[in-house]
PDB file of N, CA and C in Angstrom:
ATOM      1  N   MET A   1      81.423 123.159 122.425  1.00  0.00           N
ATOM      2  CA  MET A   1      80.401 122.218 122.835  1.00  0.00           C
ATOM      3  C   MET A   1      79.047 122.909 123.011  1.00  0.00           C
ATOM      4  N   ARG A   2      79.089 124.168 123.444  1.00  0.00           N
ATOM      5  CA  ARG A   2      77.829 124.887 123.636  1.00  0.00           C
ATOM      6  C   ARG A   2      77.100 125.054 122.308  1.00  0.00           C
ATOM      7  N   TYR A   3      77.859 125.355 121.238  1.00  0.00           N
ATOM      8  CA  TYR A   3      77.243 125.506 119.927  1.00  0.00           C
ATOM      9  C   TYR A   3      76.606 124.192 119.477  1.00  0.00           C
ATOM     10  N   VAL A   4      77.284 123.091 119.681  1.00  0.00           N
ATOM     11  CA  VAL A   4      76.756 121.783 119.279  1.00  0.00           C
ATOM     12  C   VAL A   4      75.474 121.486 120.054  1.00  0.00           C
ATOM     13  N   PHE A   5      75.474 121.769 121.346  1.00  0.00           N
ATOM     14  CA  PHE A   5      74.273 121.551 122.153  1.00  0.00           C
ATOM     15  C   PHE A   5      73.105 122.388 121.633  1.00  0.00           C
ATOM     16  N   GLN A   6      73.359 123.660 121.369  1.00  0.00           N
ATOM     17  CA  GLN A   6      72.308 124.536 120.847  1.00  0.00           C
ATOM     18  C   GLN A   6      71.810 124.055 119.499  1.00  0.00           C
ATOM     19  N   LEU A   7      72.720 123.594 118.661  1.00  0.00           N
ATOM     20  CA  LEU A   7      72.362 123.096 117.339  1.00  0.00           C
ATOM     21  C   LEU A   7      71.477 121.857 117.430  1.00  0.00           C
ATOM     22  N   VAL A   8      71.816 120.944 118.327  1.00  0.00           N
ATOM     23  CA  VAL A   8      71.024 119.728 118.500  1.00  0.00           C
ATOM     24  C   VAL A   8      69.631 120.059 119.019  1.00  0.00           C
ATOM     25  N   VAL A   9      69.553 120.911 120.034  1.00  0.00           N
ATOM     26  CA  VAL A   9      68.244 121.277 120.591  1.00  0.00           C
ATOM     27  C   VAL A   9      67.382 121.951 119.526  1.00  0.00           C
ATOM     28  N   HIS A  10      67.954 122.874 118.775  1.00  0.00           N
ATOM     29  CA  HIS A  10      67.191 123.563 117.736  1.00  0.00           C
ATOM     30  C   HIS A  10      66.745 122.601 116.639  1.00  0.00           C
ATOM     31  N   SER A  11      67.624 121.707 116.229  1.00  0.00           N
ATOM     32  CA  SER A  11      67.276 120.763 115.163  1.00  0.00           C
ATOM     33  C   SER A  11      66.173 119.809 115.594  1.00  0.00           C
ATOM     34  N   LEU A  12      66.235 119.347 116.848  1.00  0.00           N
ATOM     35  CA  LEU A  12      65.178 118.468 117.338  1.00  0.00           C
ATOM     36  C   LEU A  12      63.855 119.210 117.461  1.00  0.00           C
ATOM     37  N   TRP A  13      63.907 120.447 117.921  1.00  0.00           N
ATOM     38  CA  TRP A  13      62.683 121.254 118.003  1.00  0.00           C
ATOM     39  C   TRP A  13      62.093 121.449 116.610  1.00  0.00           C
ATOM     40  N   LYS A  14      62.951 121.771 115.644  1.00  0.00           N
ATOM     41  CA  LYS A  14      62.493 122.000 114.277  1.00  0.00           C
ATOM     42  C   LYS A  14      61.877 120.733 113.687  1.00  0.00           C
ATOM     43  N   GLU A  15      62.490 119.589 113.938  1.00  0.00           N
ATOM     44  CA  GLU A  15      61.960 118.316 113.440  1.00  0.00           C
ATOM     45  C   GLU A  15      60.606 118.002 114.079  1.00  0.00           C
ATOM     46  N   THR A  16      60.504 118.191 115.380  1.00  0.00           N
ATOM     47  CA  THR A  16      59.241 117.940 116.075  1.00  0.00           C
ATOM     48  C   THR A  16      58.149 118.870 115.566  1.00  0.00           C
ATOM     49  N   ASN A  17      58.484 120.133 115.399  1.00  0.00           N
ATOM     50  CA  ASN A  17      57.520 121.105 114.904  1.00  0.00           C
ATOM     51  C   ASN A  17      57.080 120.758 113.473  1.00  0.00           C
ATOM     52  N   GLY A  18      58.023 120.338 112.649  1.00  0.00           N
ATOM     53  CA  GLY A  18      57.689 119.948 111.283  1.00  0.00           C
ATOM     54  C   GLY A  18      56.748 118.758 111.235  1.00  0.00           C
ATOM     55  N   ARG A  19      56.980 117.777 112.093  1.00  0.00           N
ATOM     56  CA  ARG A  19      56.092 116.602 112.138  1.00  0.00           C
ATOM     57  C   ARG A  19      54.685 116.989 112.579  1.00  0.00           C
ATOM     58  N   ARG A  20      54.600 117.910 113.529  1.00  0.00           N
ATOM     59  CA  ARG A  20      53.279 118.350 113.999  1.00  0.00           C
ATOM     60  C   ARG A  20      52.497 119.071 112.909  1.00  0.00           C
ATOM     61  N   HIS A  21      53.204 119.681 111.995  1.00  0.00           N
ATOM     62  CA  HIS A  21      52.547 120.441 110.929  1.00  0.00           C
ATOM     63  C   HIS A  21      52.504 119.679 109.612  1.00  0.00           C
ATOM     64  N   GLY A  22      52.714 118.369 109.663  1.00  0.00           N
ATOM     65  CA  GLY A  22      52.493 117.521 108.505  1.00  0.00           C
ATOM     66  C   GLY A  22      53.658 117.361 107.546  1.00  0.00           C
ATOM     67  N   GLU A  23      54.834 117.827 107.884  1.00  0.00           N
ATOM     68  CA  GLU A  23      55.992 117.625 107.017  1.00  0.00           C
ATOM     69  C   GLU A  23      56.496 116.197 107.175  1.00  0.00           C
ATOM     70  N   PRO A  24      57.081 115.645 106.137  1.00  0.00           N
ATOM     71  CA  PRO A  24      57.603 114.275 106.262  1.00  0.00           C
ATOM     72  C   PRO A  24      58.779 114.234 107.233  1.00  0.00           C
ATOM     73  N   PRO A  25      58.878 113.165 108.008  1.00  0.00           N
ATOM     74  CA  PRO A  25      59.966 113.078 108.996  1.00  0.00           C
ATOM     75  C   PRO A  25      61.327 112.869 108.324  1.00  0.00           C
ATOM     76  N   ILE A  26      62.356 113.339 108.998  1.00  0.00           N
ATOM     77  CA  ILE A  26      63.729 113.150 108.551  1.00  0.00           C
ATOM     78  C   ILE A  26      64.295 111.965 109.325  1.00  0.00           C
ATOM     79  N   SER A  27      64.979 111.067 108.636  1.00  0.00           N
ATOM     80  CA  SER A  27      65.546 109.904 109.323  1.00  0.00           C
ATOM     81  C   SER A  27      66.675 110.346 110.247  1.00  0.00           C
ATOM     82  N   SER A  28      66.994 109.496 111.194  1.00  0.00           N
ATOM     83  CA  SER A  28      68.053 109.827 112.151  1.00  0.00           C
ATOM     84  C   SER A  28      69.403 109.961 111.450  1.00  0.00           C
ATOM     85  N   VAL A  29      69.642 109.164 110.422  1.00  0.00           N
ATOM     86  CA  VAL A  29      70.901 109.244 109.673  1.00  0.00           C
ATOM     87  C   VAL A  29      70.998 110.595 108.961  1.00  0.00           C
ATOM     88  N   GLN A  30      69.915 111.041 108.351  1.00  0.00           N
ATOM     89  CA  GLN A  30      69.910 112.336 107.675  1.00  0.00           C
ATOM     90  C   GLN A  30      70.113 113.475 108.678  1.00  0.00           C
ATOM     91  N   LEU A  31      69.498 113.356 109.842  1.00  0.00           N
ATOM     92  CA  LEU A  31      69.630 114.390 110.869  1.00  0.00           C
ATOM     93  C   LEU A  31      71.067 114.476 111.377  1.00  0.00           C
ATOM     94  N   ILE A  32      71.699 113.343 111.583  1.00  0.00           N
ATOM     95  CA  ILE A  32      73.096 113.323 112.035  1.00  0.00           C
ATOM     96  C   ILE A  32      74.006 113.923 110.972  1.00  0.00           C
ATOM     97  N   ARG A  33      73.781 113.586 109.706  1.00  0.00           N
ATOM     98  CA  ARG A  33      74.584 114.166 108.624  1.00  0.00           C
ATOM     99  C   ARG A  33      74.404 115.677 108.550  1.00  0.00           C
ATOM    100  N   LEU A  34      73.171 116.139 108.721  1.00  0.00           N
ATOM    101  CA  LEU A  34      72.888 117.572 108.698  1.00  0.00           C
ATOM    102  C   LEU A  34      73.608 118.283 109.840  1.00  0.00           C
ATOM    103  N   LEU A  35      73.539 117.721 111.041  1.00  0.00           N
ATOM    104  CA  LEU A  35      74.213 118.316 112.196  1.00  0.00           C
ATOM    105  C   LEU A  35      75.724 118.341 111.993  1.00  0.00           C
ATOM    106  N   ASP A  36      76.281 117.250 111.487  1.00  0.00           N
ATOM    107  CA  ASP A  36      77.718 117.183 111.245  1.00  0.00           C
ATOM    108  C   ASP A  36      78.150 118.245 110.242  1.00  0.00           C
ATOM    109  N   LYS A  37      77.393 118.385 109.180  1.00  0.00           N
ATOM    110  CA  LYS A  37      77.733 119.375 108.155  1.00  0.00           C
ATOM    111  C   LYS A  37      77.634 120.797 108.708  1.00  0.00           C
ATOM    112  N   GLN A  38      76.626 121.061 109.520  1.00  0.00           N
ATOM    113  CA  GLN A  38      76.476 122.391 110.092  1.00  0.00           C
ATOM    114  C   GLN A  38      77.629 122.731 111.030  1.00  0.00           C
ATOM    115  N   VAL A  39      78.081 121.762 111.821  1.00  0.00           N
ATOM    116  CA  VAL A  39      79.210 122.010 112.721  1.00  0.00           C
ATOM    117  C   VAL A  39      80.477 122.248 111.909  1.00  0.00           C
ATOM    118  N   ARG A  40      80.710 121.425 110.876  1.00  0.00           N
ATOM    119  CA  ARG A  40      81.903 121.619 110.048  1.00  0.00           C
ATOM    120  C   ARG A  40      81.883 122.973 109.352  1.00  0.00           C
ATOM    121  N   ASN A  41      80.725 123.390 108.857  1.00  0.00           N
ATOM    122  CA  ASN A  41      80.615 124.699 108.215  1.00  0.00           C
ATOM    123  C   ASN A  41      80.876 125.827 109.208  1.00  0.00           C
ATOM    124  N   TRP A  42      80.379 125.689 110.433  1.00  0.00           N
ATOM    125  CA  TRP A  42      80.589 126.706 111.462  1.00  0.00           C
ATOM    126  C   TRP A  42      82.065 126.831 111.793  1.00  0.00           C
ATOM    127  N   ILE A  43      82.743 125.692 111.984  1.00  0.00           N
ATOM    128  CA  ILE A  43      84.169 125.714 112.300  1.00  0.00           C
ATOM    129  C   ILE A  43      84.959 126.311 111.141  1.00  0.00           C
ATOM    130  N   SER A  44      84.609 125.924 109.928  1.00  0.00           N
ATOM    131  CA  SER A  44      85.310 126.450 108.754  1.00  0.00           C
ATOM    132  C   SER A  44      85.141 127.958 108.623  1.00  0.00           C
ATOM    133  N   SER A  45      83.947 128.459 108.893  1.00  0.00           N
ATOM    134  CA  SER A  45      83.718 129.897 108.770  1.00  0.00           C
ATOM    135  C   SER A  45      84.507 130.677 109.824  1.00  0.00           C
ATOM    136  N   ILE A  46      84.643 130.118 111.016  1.00  0.00           N
ATOM    137  CA  ILE A  46      85.430 130.778 112.055  1.00  0.00           C
ATOM    138  C   ILE A  46      86.905 130.792 111.670  1.00  0.00           C
ATOM    139  N   ARG A  47      87.389 129.673 111.155  1.00  0.00           N
ATOM    140  CA  ARG A  47      88.796 129.583 110.762  1.00  0.00           C
ATOM    141  C   ARG A  47      89.115 130.548 109.630  1.00  0.00           C
ATOM    142  N   GLU A  48      88.178 130.757 108.708  1.00  0.00           N
ATOM    143  CA  GLU A  48      88.398 131.679 107.592  1.00  0.00           C
ATOM    144  C   GLU A  48      88.498 133.126 108.057  1.00  0.00           C
ATOM    145  N   HIS A  49      87.857 133.448 109.162  1.00  0.00           N
ATOM    146  CA  HIS A  49      87.919 134.809 109.689  1.00  0.00           C
ATOM    147  C   HIS A  49      89.186 135.058 110.498  1.00  0.00           C
ATOM    148  N   GLY A  50      90.018 134.035 110.642  1.00  0.00           N
ATOM    149  CA  GLY A  50      91.304 134.208 111.296  1.00  0.00           C
ATOM    150  C   GLY A  50      91.288 134.143 112.808  1.00  0.00           C
ATOM    151  N   ASP A  51      90.237 133.595 113.392  1.00  0.00           N
ATOM    152  CA  ASP A  51      90.170 133.474 114.839  1.00  0.00           C
ATOM    153  C   ASP A  51      91.022 132.278 115.260  1.00  0.00           C
ATOM    154  N   GLY A  52      92.167 132.524 115.851  1.00  0.00           N
ATOM    155  CA  GLY A  52      93.112 131.481 116.196  1.00  0.00           C
ATOM    156  C   GLY A  52      92.717 130.611 117.374  1.00  0.00           C
ATOM    157  N   ARG A  53      91.701 131.021 118.119  1.00  0.00           N
ATOM    158  CA  ARG A  53      91.289 130.246 119.291  1.00  0.00           C
ATOM    159  C   ARG A  53      90.704 128.891 118.910  1.00  0.00           C
ATOM    160  N   TYR A  54      90.221 128.776 117.685  1.00  0.00           N
ATOM    161  CA  TYR A  54      89.527 127.555 117.277  1.00  0.00           C
ATOM    162  C   TYR A  54      90.320 126.743 116.270  1.00  0.00           C
ATOM    163  N   ASP A  55      91.645 126.867 116.283  1.00  0.00           N
ATOM    164  CA  ASP A  55      92.478 126.150 115.318  1.00  0.00           C
ATOM    165  C   ASP A  55      92.340 124.631 115.440  1.00  0.00           C
ATOM    166  N   GLY A  56      92.208 124.115 116.634  1.00  0.00           N
ATOM    167  CA  GLY A  56      92.125 122.668 116.822  1.00  0.00           C
ATOM    168  C   GLY A  56      90.722 122.103 116.822  1.00  0.00           C
ATOM    169  N   CYS A  57      89.726 122.947 116.585  1.00  0.00           N
ATOM    170  CA  CYS A  57      88.336 122.485 116.656  1.00  0.00           C
ATOM    171  C   CYS A  57      88.016 121.398 115.638  1.00  0.00           C
ATOM    172  N   MET A  58      88.457 121.580 114.401  1.00  0.00           N
ATOM    173  CA  MET A  58      88.130 120.603 113.370  1.00  0.00           C
ATOM    174  C   MET A  58      88.757 119.252 113.714  1.00  0.00           C
ATOM    175  N   ALA A  59      90.000 119.255 114.189  1.00  0.00           N
ATOM    176  CA  ALA A  59      90.658 118.000 114.565  1.00  0.00           C
ATOM    177  C   ALA A  59      89.918 117.346 115.745  1.00  0.00           C
ATOM    178  N   LYS A  60      89.495 118.140 116.712  1.00  0.00           N
ATOM    179  CA  LYS A  60      88.761 117.585 117.854  1.00  0.00           C
ATOM    180  C   LYS A  60      87.411 117.041 117.415  1.00  0.00           C
ATOM    181  N   TRP A  61      86.754 117.749 116.490  1.00  0.00           N
ATOM    182  CA  TRP A  61      85.446 117.298 116.023  1.00  0.00           C
ATOM    183  C   TRP A  61      85.556 115.952 115.319  1.00  0.00           C
ATOM    184  N   PHE A  62      86.551 115.813 114.433  1.00  0.00           N
ATOM    185  CA  PHE A  62      86.726 114.535 113.737  1.00  0.00           C
ATOM    186  C   PHE A  62      87.247 113.458 114.693  1.00  0.00           C
ATOM    187  N   GLY A  63      88.031 113.840 115.682  1.00  0.00           N
ATOM    188  CA  GLY A  63      88.549 112.881 116.648  1.00  0.00           C
ATOM    189  C   GLY A  63      87.480 112.337 117.572  1.00  0.00           C
ATOM    190  N   SER A  64      86.424 113.101 117.793  1.00  0.00           N
ATOM    191  CA  SER A  64      85.362 112.675 118.693  1.00  0.00           C
ATOM    192  C   SER A  64      84.362 111.738 118.023  1.00  0.00           C
ATOM    193  N   ARG A  65      84.453 111.619 116.724  1.00  0.00           N
ATOM    194  CA  ARG A  65      83.490 110.792 116.002  1.00  0.00           C
ATOM    195  C   ARG A  65      83.978 109.421 115.850  1.00  0.00           C
TER     196      ARG A  65
END
């Protein structure tokens, strides 16, 4: 959960900063998809390294949605 919180805060900061500097805004649907993909990639990379502590993370992530 800490990683997800950090990811959300960073993504919102990045979006706000981009808008201030004239970049086109990202829709909320695109932002949610980006966050979801980043979390899935993070969980997958941990699982590939053989860390057994996070075996149920992917199931919990999909179960929470």
